[in-house]
Protein backbone atom coordinates (compact mmCIF):
# COMPACT_ATOMS: atom_id res chain seq x y z
CA MET A 1 -11.48 1.83 17.46
CA LYS A 2 -9.98 4.95 15.91
CA ARG A 3 -7.53 2.83 13.91
CA VAL A 4 -10.26 0.60 12.51
CA GLY A 5 -12.39 3.66 11.85
CA ASP A 6 -9.58 5.24 9.86
CA ILE A 7 -9.20 2.07 7.80
CA VAL A 8 -12.96 2.01 7.18
CA VAL A 9 -12.79 5.57 5.86
CA ILE A 10 -9.87 4.72 3.57
CA ILE A 11 -11.55 1.66 2.14
CA PHE A 12 -14.98 3.25 1.89
CA VAL A 13 -13.61 6.26 0.01
CA ALA A 14 -11.60 3.97 -2.22
CA CYS A 15 -14.76 1.96 -2.90
CA LEU A 16 -16.69 4.98 -4.19
CA MET A 17 -16.11 3.49 -7.59
CA THR A 18 -17.21 5.25 -10.73
CA PRO A 19 -17.86 3.83 -14.18
CA PHE A 20 -15.25 4.57 -16.83
CA MET A 21 -15.88 5.48 -20.45
CA HIS A 22 -14.44 3.17 -23.06
CA GLY A 23 -13.39 3.65 -26.64
CA GLY A 24 -15.42 2.75 -29.70
CA SER A 25 -13.65 -0.55 -30.25
CA LEU A 26 -14.59 -1.79 -26.77
CA LEU A 27 -18.18 -0.67 -27.22
CA ALA A 28 -18.28 -2.49 -30.52
CA MET A 29 -17.09 -5.63 -28.76
CA ALA A 30 -19.87 -5.26 -26.21
CA GLU A 31 -22.45 -5.08 -28.99
CA ASP A 32 -20.99 -8.05 -30.90
CA ASP A 33 -20.35 -10.26 -27.86
CA PRO A 34 -22.50 -9.69 -24.75
CA ARG A 35 -20.44 -12.12 -22.68
CA LEU A 36 -17.79 -10.98 -20.24
CA THR A 37 -14.65 -13.06 -20.61
CA ALA A 38 -11.45 -12.90 -18.59
CA GLU A 39 -9.70 -11.31 -21.58
CA ARG A 40 -12.29 -8.55 -21.85
CA ALA A 41 -12.22 -7.96 -18.10
CA ILE A 42 -8.42 -7.62 -18.08
CA ALA A 43 -8.53 -5.33 -21.11
CA ALA A 44 -10.99 -3.05 -19.31
CA ALA A 45 -8.97 -3.07 -16.08
CA ARG A 46 -5.73 -2.35 -17.92
CA ARG A 47 -7.14 0.97 -19.15
CA ASN A 48 -7.24 2.13 -15.52
CA ALA A 49 -4.06 0.40 -14.34
CA LYS A 50 -0.52 1.60 -13.86
CA PRO A 51 1.84 1.05 -16.81
CA GLY A 52 3.55 -2.32 -16.76
CA SER A 53 1.08 -3.93 -14.37
CA SER A 54 0.22 -7.62 -14.56
CA PHE A 55 -3.20 -9.14 -13.88
CA THR A 56 -4.34 -12.31 -12.15
CA VAL A 57 -7.91 -13.61 -11.95
CA LEU A 58 -8.62 -14.12 -8.25
CA ARG A 59 -12.22 -15.11 -8.74
CA GLU A 60 -14.82 -15.53 -11.47
CA ILE A 61 -18.44 -14.80 -10.56
CA VAL A 62 -20.79 -16.77 -12.80
CA ALA A 63 -24.34 -15.55 -13.41
CA ASN A 64 -27.16 -18.01 -14.04
CA ALA A 65 -30.87 -17.91 -14.77
CA ASP A 66 -31.73 -17.47 -11.07
CA THR A 67 -29.29 -14.63 -10.41
CA ARG A 68 -30.38 -12.82 -13.58
CA ARG A 69 -34.03 -13.14 -12.59
CA ILE A 70 -33.35 -11.84 -9.09
CA GLY A 71 -31.25 -8.99 -10.49
CA ASP A 72 -34.14 -8.00 -12.74
CA GLN A 73 -36.54 -8.10 -9.78
CA ALA A 74 -34.20 -5.89 -7.77
CA LEU A 75 -34.07 -3.27 -10.52
CA GLU A 76 -37.83 -3.41 -11.00
CA GLN A 77 -38.49 -2.90 -7.28
CA ALA A 78 -35.92 -0.10 -7.15
CA ARG A 79 -37.73 1.73 -9.96
CA GLU A 80 -41.14 1.09 -8.41
CA HIS A 81 -40.14 2.36 -4.96
CA LYS A 82 -37.68 5.00 -6.21
CA ILE A 83 -34.74 3.38 -4.41
CA GLU A 84 -31.29 4.74 -5.22
CA LEU A 85 -29.04 2.01 -6.59
CA TYR A 86 -25.98 1.05 -4.56
CA GLU A 87 -22.84 2.14 -6.45
CA ASN A 88 -24.84 2.79 -9.63
CA GLY A 89 -26.09 -0.79 -9.77
CA LEU A 90 -22.79 -2.59 -9.14
CA LEU A 91 -24.33 -5.50 -7.25
CA THR A 92 -27.27 -5.96 -9.61
CA ASN A 93 -24.82 -5.93 -12.51
CA ILE A 94 -22.92 -8.80 -10.91
CA LEU A 95 -26.12 -10.79 -10.43
CA LYS A 96 -27.16 -10.25 -14.03
CA SER A 97 -23.86 -10.65 -15.87
CA GLY A 98 -21.38 -12.16 -13.44
CA GLY A 99 -17.91 -10.69 -13.30
CA PHE A 100 -14.25 -11.08 -12.52
CA LEU A 101 -12.24 -10.08 -9.46
CA LEU A 102 -8.75 -9.23 -10.70
CA ALA A 103 -5.54 -8.49 -8.86
CA GLU A 104 -3.40 -5.80 -10.50
CA THR A 105 0.18 -6.53 -9.49
CA ASP A 106 3.64 -5.05 -9.77
CA PRO A 107 5.58 -7.84 -11.54
CA ARG A 108 8.87 -6.70 -10.01
CA MET A 109 7.61 -7.09 -6.42
CA ASN A 110 4.76 -9.57 -7.05
CA SER A 111 2.69 -7.31 -4.80
CA VAL A 112 -0.88 -6.15 -5.30
CA ILE A 113 -1.45 -2.60 -6.54
CA ALA A 114 -5.26 -2.75 -6.68
CA LEU A 115 -8.24 -5.05 -6.96
CA HIS A 116 -10.56 -4.65 -9.94
CA LEU A 117 -14.14 -5.90 -9.88
CA VAL A 118 -15.20 -5.99 -13.53
CA SER A 119 -18.80 -6.50 -14.65
CA LEU A 120 -21.18 -5.56 -17.47
CA GLU A 121 -23.66 -2.73 -17.24
CA ALA A 122 -27.23 -3.05 -18.50
CA LYS A 123 -26.39 -1.94 -22.05
CA GLY A 124 -23.32 -4.16 -22.32
CA ALA A 125 -20.58 -1.66 -21.48
CA VAL A 126 -17.77 -3.02 -19.32
CA LYS A 127 -17.51 -1.44 -15.87
CA ASP A 128 -14.30 -1.56 -13.84
CA ALA A 129 -14.64 -0.90 -10.10
CA GLN A 130 -11.12 -0.37 -8.80
CA THR A 131 -9.90 -0.36 -5.19
CA GLU A 132 -6.31 0.64 -4.45
CA CYS A 133 -4.27 -1.58 -2.15
CA HIS A 134 -2.54 0.14 0.79
CA GLY A 135 0.74 -1.34 1.97
CA VAL A 136 2.65 -4.29 0.54
CA VAL A 137 0.36 -7.27 0.06
CA LYS A 138 1.90 -10.17 -1.80
CA LEU A 139 -0.23 -11.79 -4.50
CA ALA A 140 -0.30 -15.13 -2.66
CA ASP A 141 -1.52 -13.42 0.52
CA ALA A 142 -4.17 -11.50 -1.42
CA GLY A 143 -5.45 -14.73 -2.92
CA GLU A 144 -5.65 -16.36 0.49
CA LEU A 145 -7.38 -13.32 2.04
CA VAL A 146 -9.94 -13.28 -0.78
CA LYS A 147 -10.67 -16.98 -0.18
CA ASP A 148 -10.80 -16.61 3.62
CA THR A 149 -13.04 -13.55 3.42
CA ALA A 150 -15.49 -15.31 1.10
CA GLU A 151 -15.63 -18.36 3.37
CA LEU A 152 -16.11 -16.27 6.52
CA VAL A 153 -18.86 -14.12 5.00
CA GLU A 154 -20.74 -17.20 3.83
CA LYS A 155 -20.43 -18.73 7.30
CA LEU A 156 -21.56 -15.51 9.02
CA TYR A 157 -24.73 -15.22 7.00
CA SER A 158 -25.51 -18.94 7.01
CA THR A 159 -25.19 -19.53 10.77
CA PRO A 160 -28.54 -19.36 12.63
CA SER A 161 -28.85 -16.81 15.43
CA THR A 162 -29.11 -19.61 17.96
CA GLU A 163 -25.77 -21.09 16.86
CA GLU A 164 -23.53 -18.01 16.68
CA PHE A 165 -21.49 -19.38 19.59
CA SER A 166 -20.05 -21.93 17.13
CA LEU A 167 -18.21 -19.10 15.34
CA GLU A 168 -15.96 -18.36 18.32
CA SER A 169 -13.32 -20.91 17.32
CA ARG A 170 -12.75 -19.04 14.04
CA PHE A 171 -11.42 -15.97 15.85
CA TYR A 172 -7.77 -15.34 16.63
CA GLY A 173 -6.89 -17.05 19.89
CA GLY A 174 -10.06 -19.15 19.74
CA SER A 175 -12.29 -16.60 21.47
CA PHE A 176 -14.51 -13.63 20.65
CA PRO A 177 -12.88 -10.18 20.99
CA ASP A 178 -13.15 -8.29 24.27
CA GLY A 179 -15.64 -5.46 24.31
CA ASP A 180 -13.33 -3.19 26.27
CA GLN A 181 -10.75 -3.33 23.46
CA PHE A 182 -13.11 -3.59 20.47
CA PRO A 183 -16.51 -2.28 21.65
CA ASP A 184 -17.96 -1.84 18.15
CA ASP A 185 -16.85 -5.16 16.72
CA LEU A 186 -19.30 -7.89 15.74
CA PHE A 187 -19.36 -10.56 18.49
CA ALA A 188 -17.33 -8.42 20.91
CA ILE A 189 -18.21 -9.49 24.47
CA PRO A 190 -19.70 -6.45 26.27
CA ASP A 191 -17.62 -5.51 29.27
CA PHE A 192 -20.72 -4.99 31.44
CA LEU A 193 -21.56 -8.71 31.15
CA ARG A 194 -18.31 -9.62 32.87
CA LYS A 195 -19.59 -9.32 36.42
CA PRO A 196 -17.47 -10.63 39.31
CA GLY A 197 -18.01 -14.36 39.64
CA ALA A 198 -19.86 -14.69 36.32
CA ASN A 199 -19.45 -17.97 34.48
CA PRO A 200 -17.20 -17.17 31.46
CA ASN A 201 -18.99 -19.70 29.25
CA GLU A 202 -22.37 -18.21 30.08
CA VAL A 203 -21.05 -14.72 29.39
CA ARG A 204 -19.80 -15.75 25.95
CA GLU A 205 -23.02 -17.62 25.19
CA ALA A 206 -25.20 -14.65 26.16
CA SER A 207 -23.06 -12.32 24.08
CA ALA A 208 -23.25 -14.61 21.02
CA LEU A 209 -27.03 -14.91 21.32
CA TYR A 210 -27.38 -11.15 21.60
CA TRP A 211 -25.20 -10.57 18.52
CA GLY A 212 -27.24 -13.23 16.75
CA TYR A 213 -30.35 -11.21 17.51
CA LEU A 214 -28.75 -8.02 16.17
CA PHE A 215 -27.26 -9.66 13.08
CA TRP A 216 -30.55 -11.35 12.17
CA THR A 217 -31.63 -8.20 10.30
CA ALA A 218 -28.64 -8.44 7.93
CA ARG A 219 -29.40 -12.11 7.30
CA TYR A 220 -33.11 -11.45 6.74
CA ALA A 221 -32.25 -8.66 4.31
CA LEU A 222 -30.69 -11.29 2.02
CA SER A 223 -34.13 -12.84 1.56
CA MET A 224 -35.39 -9.70 -0.18
CA PRO A 225 -35.14 -9.59 -3.98
CA ALA A 226 -34.38 -5.85 -3.81
CA PHE A 227 -31.31 -6.43 -1.63
CA SER A 228 -28.76 -6.02 -4.43
CA ALA A 229 -30.30 -2.72 -5.48
CA ASN A 230 -29.72 -1.14 -2.08
CA PRO A 231 -28.55 -3.28 0.88
CA ALA A 232 -29.08 -0.47 3.40
CA ALA A 233 -32.73 -0.06 2.36
CA ALA A 234 -33.23 -3.82 2.61
CA GLU A 235 -31.77 -3.93 6.11
CA SER A 236 -33.95 -1.01 7.20
CA ALA A 237 -36.99 -3.00 6.10
CA ALA A 238 -35.57 -6.05 7.88
CA GLU A 239 -35.28 -4.10 11.14
CA LYS A 240 -38.98 -3.25 10.94
CA LYS A 241 -39.74 -6.92 10.31
CA ARG A 242 -37.68 -7.93 13.34
CA ASP A 243 -39.49 -5.42 15.54
CA THR A 244 -42.85 -6.77 14.34
CA LEU A 245 -41.82 -10.35 15.04
CA LYS A 246 -40.42 -9.41 18.43
CA ALA A 247 -43.76 -7.83 19.35
CA GLU A 248 -45.52 -11.06 18.32
CA PHE A 249 -43.08 -13.08 20.41
CA LEU A 250 -43.60 -10.92 23.50
CA LYS A 251 -47.38 -11.08 23.12
CA SER A 252 -47.41 -14.85 22.70
CA ASN A 253 -45.30 -15.19 25.86
CA ASN A 254 -47.48 -12.79 27.88
CA MET A 255 -44.67 -10.28 28.21
CA ALA A 256 -44.95 -6.51 28.28
CA PRO A 257 -44.92 -5.00 24.75
CA ASN A 258 -42.37 -2.41 25.86
CA PHE A 259 -39.93 -5.04 27.13
CA ASN A 260 -36.40 -3.80 26.53
CA LEU A 261 -33.30 -5.91 26.00
CA ASP A 262 -31.07 -4.05 28.43
CA LEU A 263 -27.90 -5.99 29.09
CA ASP A 264 -26.66 -3.25 31.44
CA ASN A 265 -29.11 -4.46 34.09
CA ILE A 266 -27.61 -7.94 34.39
CA GLN A 267 -26.31 -8.03 37.96
CA ASN A 268 -26.01 -11.69 38.93
CA GLU A 269 -25.76 -15.22 37.58
CA ARG A 270 -29.51 -15.88 37.81
CA GLN A 271 -30.28 -12.85 35.63
CA LEU A 272 -27.61 -13.91 33.17
CA GLN A 273 -29.14 -17.38 32.88
CA GLU A 274 -32.60 -15.84 32.42
CA LEU A 275 -31.18 -13.66 29.65
CA ILE A 276 -29.69 -16.71 27.91
CA GLU A 277 -33.04 -18.52 28.13
CA PHE A 278 -34.94 -15.50 26.78
CA LEU A 279 -32.52 -14.87 23.89
CA THR A 280 -32.48 -18.56 22.96
CA LYS A 281 -36.27 -18.54 22.63
CA LEU A 282 -36.39 -15.19 20.83
CA ASP A 283 -33.62 -16.11 18.39
CA GLY A 284 -35.35 -19.42 17.72
CA PHE A 285 -38.63 -17.63 17.01
CA LEU A 286 -36.89 -15.28 14.56
CA GLU A 287 -35.11 -18.19 12.86
CA ASP A 288 -38.40 -20.06 12.39
CA ALA A 289 -39.90 -16.99 10.74
CA LEU A 290 -36.89 -16.61 8.45
CA LYS A 291 -37.05 -20.27 7.39
CA LYS A 292 -40.75 -20.03 6.60
CA GLU A 293 -40.51 -16.84 4.56
CA ALA A 294 -37.13 -16.98 2.86
CA ASP A 295 -36.71 -18.13 -0.72
CA LEU A 296 -33.41 -20.00 -0.58
CA THR A 297 -32.68 -19.15 -4.21
CA VAL A 298 -32.91 -15.43 -3.42
CA VAL A 299 -30.79 -15.82 -0.28
CA LYS A 300 -28.11 -17.83 -2.09
CA SER A 301 -27.93 -15.36 -4.97
CA ASN A 302 -27.68 -12.31 -2.73
CA LEU A 303 -25.13 -14.01 -0.49
CA SER A 304 -22.95 -14.71 -3.51
CA ILE A 305 -22.37 -11.00 -4.09
CA LEU A 306 -21.42 -10.38 -0.46
CA THR A 307 -18.62 -12.94 -0.65
CA ILE A 308 -16.71 -10.82 -3.18
CA PRO A 309 -13.94 -8.90 -1.36
CA LEU A 310 -13.59 -5.33 -2.61
CA GLY A 311 -10.16 -4.68 -1.17
CA VAL A 312 -7.16 -6.07 0.72
CA ASP A 313 -4.72 -3.93 2.69
CA VAL A 314 -1.98 -4.06 5.27
CA ASP A 315 -2.96 -2.94 8.75
CA PRO A 316 -0.26 -0.31 9.43
CA SER A 317 -0.77 -0.37 13.19
CA GLN A 318 0.44 -3.91 13.80
CA GLU A 319 2.84 -6.16 11.97
CA GLY A 320 1.32 -9.30 10.54
CA GLN A 321 -2.21 -7.92 10.31
CA TYR A 322 -4.22 -7.41 7.13
CA VAL A 323 -7.59 -5.91 6.30
CA SER A 324 -10.17 -7.04 3.76
CA SER A 325 -13.56 -5.57 2.93
CA SER A 326 -16.74 -6.81 1.33
CA PRO A 327 -19.90 -5.04 0.18
CA PRO A 328 -21.63 -3.00 1.34
CA LYS A 329 -19.30 -1.82 4.14
CA SER A 330 -18.01 -4.82 6.08
CA LEU A 331 -14.43 -4.76 7.31
CA PHE A 332 -12.35 -7.76 8.44
CA VAL A 333 -9.05 -7.57 10.30
CA TRP A 334 -6.92 -10.69 9.93
CA HIS A 335 -3.89 -11.82 11.93
CA ARG A 336 -1.22 -13.94 10.30
CA LEU A 337 -0.65 -17.16 12.21
CA ALA A 338 2.83 -18.46 12.99
CA THR A 339 1.77 -21.80 11.54
CA GLY A 340 0.67 -20.15 8.30
CA GLY A 341 -2.61 -18.71 7.10
CA PHE A 342 -4.80 -16.11 8.77
CA ALA A 343 -7.32 -15.96 11.62
CA ILE A 344 -10.06 -13.36 11.92
CA LYS A 345 -9.46 -10.86 14.73
CA GLU A 346 -12.03 -8.11 14.23
CA ILE A 347 -15.23 -7.61 12.24
CA THR A 348 -16.96 -4.30 11.80
CA TRP A 349 -20.34 -4.30 10.12
CA ASP A 350 -21.91 -1.01 9.13
CA TRP A 351 -24.42 -0.72 6.33
C-alpha cells in the first residue's frame, strides 16, 4: 500500500486549496451579477493557469432551493457548534452557489494540466480550487474518469449495507480485491477469512457484509445537514450513532453488550455461516434506522458534492492505470480495459 499511500499524499497536498484574491473588475462583476457562469469560472481559473492553456467544462454543478437551504443549515450548525469548515467552506459554497469543474489543458498535447473547481464564496467572490494533474492524462480520458468516478461514488453511497455484494462486478476482473495485496482497500477480502476449504462465495459475501457495516457510518453522515461543513465531524457523529444502534440490536437479540465483531476467530464453515447470518441481521437493522431517520433531500444534496472529482492522475507504478479523487479524501485506482473504458481496481476511503 506504500504506492497508494504516496499517491494519497500527493493528491491530498495538492487539494489543500486556498482562495485567490481577484482584481477590482472581477469583484465588481460579482457585485453586479451574483450568478456564476461558465465564462466567469473560466476567467477566474485562467488567472491561476499556465500561459496558453485552454479550458473545457467537464461538469456543471447546479444549485437549487434545497441545496442552498441545506448549505445554510450546515453553516449555521458549524457556527453553533464551533466546527471548523472543510477547506474554508468549499463544499458549502458548492451547495449554495453551484460551480464548474474545469479541465485546464495543453492545446499542443490535448493533455490535462490541472482540474479547477470554481465556486462562489458567501460574499460573491469567485473561488478557484486547483489540483495539478500528475502524468499525461488526455482530455478524453479525464472526461471519462470524471464520469466514472461520479457514477461509482453515487453507487457506493446509495447501495444498502445488505447489498454491497452486488458491487463486486464493478471491480477489475469481476471480483473484490485480495486483502493480502490491498489490505486497506474498501471491500478488500481479509486474508484471514480464506480458511482451507472455505466456500469462496461465502467468504466474499461475509467480507461484503462486513464492509457494509463499516461503510454505513459514511452513508449515515450524508443524512446530516452539517455534513458539507465538515465531513469528518459528521462521520465521527455517525460512528457514535452506529455504536448506539448496535447496542440496541444486541440487547433486542439477547446478546452480550460487549459482543465484538472479531473476524480473526472464524475457524470453520459453520462459524462463517453464523457470521453471515449475524451481519445480515445487523446490517438490515442499521439500514432500517437510516431509512426512518434520513431526509432524502439532505442525502441527495450532500451526495451531489461527493460525486465531484477533485483530481485525475496517472498511476506511475503500472501502465494503463489512473487515479481519481473525490472529497473529502477518497481515492480510486482505475485500470484501462483492453476493450475500452476503465474498471475500478482499488478504493481507499479515509476521512
